[in-house]
Amino acid sequence: MVESDSGLKYSKVFGTNWKNQRQFDDTPFIIDLGEDVKVGGIELYSTTFLAGLQIFYDNGQLVSNDMYIANDPSKTIEREDNIEYYTNKNEKIKSNFLKIDKDDKISKVILYAGDIIDGIEFCTNNGKSAHGGGYGGSKLTFDCEEMGLDFVGIKGSIADISQGNYYWTVHSLVLIFKGKGEIKIK
């Protein structure tokens, strides 16, 4: 765990680096939002792995702008709570959105990681959850309530593992927390 001057606490880096990656970091946005930062929603993009994710804050502002997966939104085939896209290789990418109500918060983050980020699941204290990606790698659980911390964001990298064929995956990920507790992994 690394603690910053801003009071943010960072998990260790999970996954690995890959050539031609795009870096992303919610830290500057979180600091700008100040003490009242609260996650209002999370969108997860999936193939058999975690292909991307975006954090929405309670005030409706979007961060993680560089976490868009390579897709063509005009190829949307359904829209209910979730969206399906196709890459230019006709691989299906699913979108799963978790809305976090005003009286709700992230209570647990479950990460599946090895060389890349295989998958991630977010659970709220009101019993809602969303999973993106697969279940490979090691299962790592961050119980926010037990740790005495609030989940507030992410940083890491995304890369095209097919070298130009638009098969994006999250290669490295750091979870960002805020609070007086300590990060513990189960």
Protein backbone atom coordinates (compact mmCIF):
# COMPACT_ATOMS: atom_id res chain seq x y z
CA MET A 1 0.00 0.00 0.00
CA VAL A 2 1.18 3.49 -0.81
CA GLU A 3 -0.29 6.56 0.85
CA SER A 4 -0.14 9.92 -0.86
CA ASP A 5 0.01 13.46 0.53
CA SER A 6 -3.63 13.84 -0.52
CA GLY A 7 -4.73 11.12 1.92
CA LEU A 8 -5.42 8.65 -0.88
CA LYS A 9 -4.27 5.06 -0.41
CA TYR A 10 -3.16 2.91 -3.32
CA SER A 11 -3.12 -0.88 -3.57
CA LYS A 12 -0.09 -2.49 -5.12
CA VAL A 13 -0.02 -2.85 -8.91
CA PHE A 14 -1.82 -5.96 -10.15
CA GLY A 15 -1.15 -7.39 -13.62
CA THR A 16 1.86 -6.46 -15.75
CA ASN A 17 2.96 -3.84 -18.20
CA TRP A 18 2.68 -4.43 -21.95
CA LYS A 19 4.11 -2.64 -24.96
CA ASN A 20 2.04 0.16 -26.51
CA GLN A 21 -0.09 0.63 -23.40
CA ARG A 22 -2.24 3.62 -22.58
CA GLN A 23 -1.95 4.79 -18.99
CA PHE A 24 -4.89 6.10 -16.97
CA ASP A 25 -5.09 7.63 -13.49
CA ASP A 26 -8.12 9.01 -11.64
CA THR A 27 -5.95 10.68 -8.96
CA PRO A 28 -6.03 14.26 -10.30
CA PHE A 29 -9.80 14.10 -10.76
CA ILE A 30 -10.34 12.66 -7.25
CA ILE A 31 -8.19 15.39 -5.71
CA ASP A 32 -10.16 18.07 -7.61
CA LEU A 33 -13.45 16.66 -6.26
CA GLY A 34 -12.11 16.96 -2.71
CA GLU A 35 -13.42 15.44 0.51
CA ASP A 36 -16.89 14.67 -0.85
CA VAL A 37 -15.71 12.33 -3.63
CA LYS A 38 -18.18 9.44 -4.05
CA VAL A 39 -18.47 6.84 -6.79
CA GLY A 40 -21.92 7.07 -8.42
CA GLY A 41 -21.53 4.32 -11.03
CA ILE A 42 -19.11 1.94 -12.69
CA GLU A 43 -19.22 0.66 -16.26
CA LEU A 44 -17.35 -2.57 -17.03
CA TYR A 45 -16.48 -3.72 -20.55
CA SER A 46 -15.88 -7.45 -21.05
CA THR A 47 -14.72 -10.09 -23.46
CA THR A 48 -13.31 -13.20 -21.80
CA PHE A 49 -11.12 -10.68 -19.95
CA LEU A 50 -11.71 -7.21 -18.54
CA ALA A 51 -11.58 -5.02 -21.66
CA GLY A 52 -12.07 -1.66 -19.92
CA LEU A 53 -13.85 0.21 -17.14
CA GLN A 54 -15.02 3.70 -16.36
CA ILE A 55 -15.87 5.39 -13.08
CA PHE A 56 -18.71 7.91 -12.79
CA TYR A 57 -18.81 10.17 -9.77
CA ASP A 58 -21.87 11.18 -7.77
CA ASN A 59 -21.97 14.59 -9.43
CA GLY A 60 -22.32 12.89 -12.82
CA GLN A 61 -18.82 13.64 -14.04
CA LEU A 62 -17.03 10.88 -15.90
CA VAL A 63 -13.42 9.94 -15.35
CA SER A 64 -11.16 7.18 -16.70
CA ASN A 65 -11.67 8.70 -20.14
CA ASP A 66 -8.78 6.69 -21.57
CA MET A 67 -10.43 3.43 -20.52
CA TYR A 68 -12.73 3.27 -23.52
CA ILE A 69 -12.29 0.00 -25.29
CA ALA A 70 -11.75 0.01 -29.04
CA ASN A 71 -15.27 -0.35 -30.38
CA ASP A 72 -17.70 1.29 -32.71
CA PRO A 73 -20.75 2.41 -30.69
CA SER A 74 -22.78 2.56 -33.91
CA LYS A 75 -22.67 -1.25 -33.85
CA THR A 76 -24.73 -1.44 -30.65
CA ILE A 77 -27.06 -4.42 -30.89
CA GLU A 78 -29.08 -4.01 -27.71
CA ARG A 79 -29.67 -1.45 -25.03
CA GLU A 80 -31.31 -2.25 -21.77
CA ASP A 81 -29.10 -2.01 -18.70
CA ASN A 82 -26.23 -3.42 -20.68
CA ILE A 83 -24.85 -2.91 -24.19
CA GLU A 84 -23.12 -5.32 -26.54
CA TYR A 85 -20.56 -4.09 -29.08
CA TYR A 86 -18.54 -5.80 -31.73
CA THR A 87 -14.89 -5.09 -32.49
CA ASN A 88 -13.68 -4.96 -36.07
CA LYS A 89 -12.80 -8.66 -35.65
CA ASN A 90 -16.45 -9.41 -34.78
CA GLU A 91 -15.59 -10.21 -31.17
CA LYS A 92 -18.44 -9.46 -28.80
CA ILE A 93 -17.80 -6.94 -26.04
CA LYS A 94 -20.37 -6.58 -23.26
CA SER A 95 -20.97 -3.52 -21.15
CA ASN A 96 -22.27 -3.88 -17.59
CA PHE A 97 -23.24 -0.74 -15.65
CA LEU A 98 -23.58 -0.62 -11.85
CA LYS A 99 -25.51 2.42 -10.61
CA ILE A 100 -24.67 3.29 -7.02
CA ASP A 101 -27.53 5.09 -5.28
CA LYS A 102 -27.05 8.02 -2.88
CA ASP A 103 -27.55 5.75 0.17
CA ASP A 104 -25.27 3.06 -1.25
CA LYS A 105 -21.50 2.66 -1.61
CA ILE A 106 -18.95 0.13 -2.78
CA SER A 107 -18.53 -2.37 0.05
CA LYS A 108 -16.30 -4.90 -1.69
CA VAL A 109 -14.02 -5.12 -4.73
CA ILE A 110 -13.05 -8.57 -5.98
CA LEU A 111 -10.17 -8.64 -8.44
CA TYR A 112 -9.11 -11.61 -10.59
CA ALA A 113 -5.55 -10.98 -11.73
CA GLY A 114 -2.49 -12.73 -13.08
CA ASP A 115 -0.35 -11.35 -15.91
CA ILE A 116 -3.35 -9.21 -16.88
CA ILE A 117 -6.56 -8.21 -15.14
CA ASP A 118 -8.82 -11.16 -15.93
CA GLY A 119 -11.88 -9.72 -14.20
CA ILE A 120 -13.29 -7.49 -11.50
CA GLU A 121 -16.47 -7.39 -9.44
CA PHE A 122 -17.89 -4.48 -7.47
CA CYS A 123 -20.44 -5.09 -4.68
CA THR A 124 -22.47 -2.48 -2.78
CA ASN A 125 -23.65 -2.46 0.81
CA ASN A 126 -27.27 -2.67 -0.48
CA GLY A 127 -26.62 -6.00 -2.24
CA LYS A 128 -26.08 -4.87 -5.86
CA SER A 129 -23.09 -6.07 -7.85
CA ALA A 130 -21.54 -6.07 -11.31
CA HIS A 131 -18.83 -8.31 -12.75
CA GLY A 132 -16.68 -7.64 -15.80
CA GLY A 133 -14.27 -10.01 -17.51
CA GLY A 134 -13.36 -13.52 -16.46
CA TYR A 135 -12.38 -15.44 -13.34
CA GLY A 136 -8.78 -16.44 -14.12
CA GLY A 137 -5.71 -15.53 -12.12
CA SER A 138 -5.68 -15.09 -8.36
CA LYS A 139 -8.85 -14.00 -6.59
CA LEU A 140 -8.15 -10.94 -4.41
CA THR A 141 -10.86 -9.49 -2.18
CA PHE A 142 -10.86 -5.94 -0.79
CA ASP A 143 -13.58 -5.62 1.88
CA CYS A 144 -13.98 -1.84 2.15
CA GLU A 145 -16.12 -1.94 5.29
CA GLU A 146 -13.67 -4.24 7.07
CA MET A 147 -10.70 -2.09 5.99
CA GLY A 148 -12.41 1.16 7.03
CA LEU A 149 -11.82 2.66 3.56
CA ASP A 150 -13.94 3.98 0.71
CA PHE A 151 -13.18 2.89 -2.87
CA VAL A 152 -12.73 6.11 -4.89
CA GLY A 153 -10.98 5.26 -8.17
CA ILE A 154 -8.46 3.44 -10.33
CA LYS A 155 -5.20 3.82 -12.16
CA GLY A 156 -3.32 1.46 -14.45
CA SER A 157 -2.94 0.62 -18.13
CA ILE A 158 -4.84 -0.80 -21.06
CA ALA A 159 -3.26 -2.42 -24.13
CA ASP A 160 -4.19 -4.05 -27.42
CA ILE A 161 -3.00 -7.64 -26.96
CA SER A 162 -3.67 -8.49 -30.60
CA GLN A 163 -1.27 -5.81 -31.89
CA GLY A 164 -3.70 -3.76 -33.94
CA ASN A 165 -6.79 -5.98 -34.14
CA TYR A 166 -8.57 -4.09 -31.35
CA TYR A 167 -8.64 -6.73 -28.66
CA TRP A 168 -8.09 -4.48 -25.66
CA THR A 169 -7.53 -5.66 -22.12
CA VAL A 170 -6.73 -3.99 -18.82
CA HIS A 171 -3.13 -5.02 -18.20
CA SER A 172 -2.40 -3.38 -14.89
CA LEU A 173 -4.64 -1.96 -12.21
CA VAL A 174 -4.23 -0.11 -8.93
CA LEU A 175 -7.25 0.46 -6.69
CA ILE A 176 -7.52 3.86 -5.00
CA PHE A 177 -9.10 4.21 -1.55
CA LYS A 178 -9.72 7.02 0.90
CA GLY A 179 -10.15 6.84 4.68
CA LYS A 180 -8.35 6.16 7.94
CA GLY A 181 -8.07 2.37 7.58
CA GLU A 182 -5.45 0.18 5.97
CA ILE A 183 -5.62 -1.82 2.74
CA LYS A 184 -5.89 -5.56 3.40
CA ILE A 185 -6.26 -8.28 0.77
CA LYS A 186 -8.12 -11.52 1.43
